[in-house]
Amino acid sequence: MGKEQVRVADVMIVDAIAVSRDATLEEVDIIIRSTFVTGLPVVDSEGRLVGVIGNAQLAAHRFARPVESSEHVPSKSASASTT
């Protein structure tokens, strides 16, 4: 006999937390970390799905930020020098 097929409806989260396009990345980060989910649906003012934001997008934004002039960035020659 074959294995019973489990449907998405049987395991999905029904009361998902959604955010609007106007939510800040900080708000999304707090929600994701406090609820232990990896992503959130983004909805318009009528509740229609317009996208998804998750850990990958948050990380990409964090690591793509410009370096502030007050931050020290080692030069290639300094990091490659040998003594």
Protein backbone atom coordinates (compact mmCIF):
# COMPACT_ATOMS: atom_id res chain seq x y z
CA MET A 1 0.00 0.00 0.00
CA GLY A 2 1.11 3.55 -0.76
CA LYS A 3 1.96 6.24 1.70
CA GLU A 4 -0.88 8.70 2.43
CA GLN A 5 -0.34 12.09 0.79
CA VAL A 6 -0.23 14.98 3.24
CA ARG A 7 -1.69 18.21 1.88
CA VAL A 8 -0.46 21.74 2.51
CA ALA A 9 -3.83 22.53 4.12
CA ASP A 10 -3.09 19.91 6.77
CA VAL A 11 0.13 21.58 7.96
CA MET A 12 -0.05 25.25 7.00
CA ILE A 13 -0.27 28.10 9.48
CA VAL A 14 -3.78 29.51 9.24
CA ASP A 15 -3.33 32.64 11.36
CA ALA A 16 -0.21 33.94 9.65
CA ILE A 17 1.18 37.30 10.66
CA ALA A 18 1.34 39.63 7.67
CA VAL A 19 2.98 43.02 7.26
CA SER A 20 2.20 45.95 5.00
CA ARG A 21 4.54 47.47 2.44
CA ASP A 22 5.00 50.36 4.88
CA ALA A 23 6.43 48.18 7.65
CA THR A 24 10.05 48.93 8.48
CA LEU A 25 12.78 46.32 8.24
CA GLU A 26 13.30 46.73 11.97
CA GLU A 27 9.64 45.84 12.60
CA VAL A 28 9.89 42.81 10.32
CA ASP A 29 13.09 41.68 12.04
CA ILE A 30 11.45 41.92 15.48
CA ILE A 31 8.41 39.94 14.32
CA ILE A 32 10.51 37.24 12.67
CA ARG A 33 12.82 36.83 15.67
CA SER A 34 10.02 36.87 18.25
CA THR A 35 7.76 34.40 16.43
CA PHE A 36 10.46 32.03 15.13
CA VAL A 37 9.20 32.17 11.55
CA THR A 38 11.55 32.62 8.61
CA GLY A 39 9.39 34.92 6.55
CA LEU A 40 6.25 37.00 6.41
CA PRO A 41 3.65 37.67 3.74
CA VAL A 42 3.44 41.30 2.63
CA VAL A 43 -0.10 42.49 1.92
CA ASP A 44 -1.67 45.61 0.44
CA SER A 45 -4.32 47.75 2.16
CA GLU A 46 -7.01 45.25 1.14
CA GLY A 47 -5.15 42.25 2.54
CA ARG A 48 -4.05 40.88 -0.85
CA LEU A 49 -0.66 39.22 -1.03
CA VAL A 50 1.88 41.42 -2.83
CA GLY A 51 5.10 39.71 -1.77
CA VAL A 52 7.08 37.91 0.90
CA ILE A 53 9.94 39.15 3.07
CA GLY A 54 12.20 36.86 5.03
CA ASN A 55 15.55 36.31 6.63
CA ALA A 56 17.34 36.27 3.27
CA GLN A 57 16.10 39.73 2.35
CA LEU A 58 16.90 41.11 5.81
CA ALA A 59 20.42 39.67 5.66
CA ALA A 60 21.00 40.95 2.14
CA HIS A 61 20.00 44.45 3.24
CA ARG A 62 22.20 44.32 6.37
CA PHE A 63 25.29 43.24 4.49
CA ALA A 64 24.72 45.57 1.54
CA ARG A 65 24.69 48.70 3.69
CA PRO A 66 27.22 51.39 2.86
CA VAL A 67 30.21 51.77 5.12
CA GLU A 68 30.02 54.85 7.34
CA SER A 69 32.95 57.25 7.09
CA SER A 70 33.62 56.74 10.82
CA GLU A 71 34.09 52.99 10.35
CA HIS A 72 37.58 51.64 9.75
CA VAL A 73 37.94 49.53 6.64
CA PRO A 74 41.31 47.79 6.27
CA SER A 75 43.00 48.30 2.95
CA LYS A 76 43.86 45.32 0.76
CA SER A 77 47.55 45.93 1.28
CA ALA A 78 47.14 46.02 5.07
CA SER A 79 45.22 42.75 5.18
CA ALA A 80 47.61 41.05 2.75
CA SER A 81 50.85 42.24 4.33
CA THR A 82 53.20 39.74 5.88
CA THR A 83 55.73 40.32 8.63
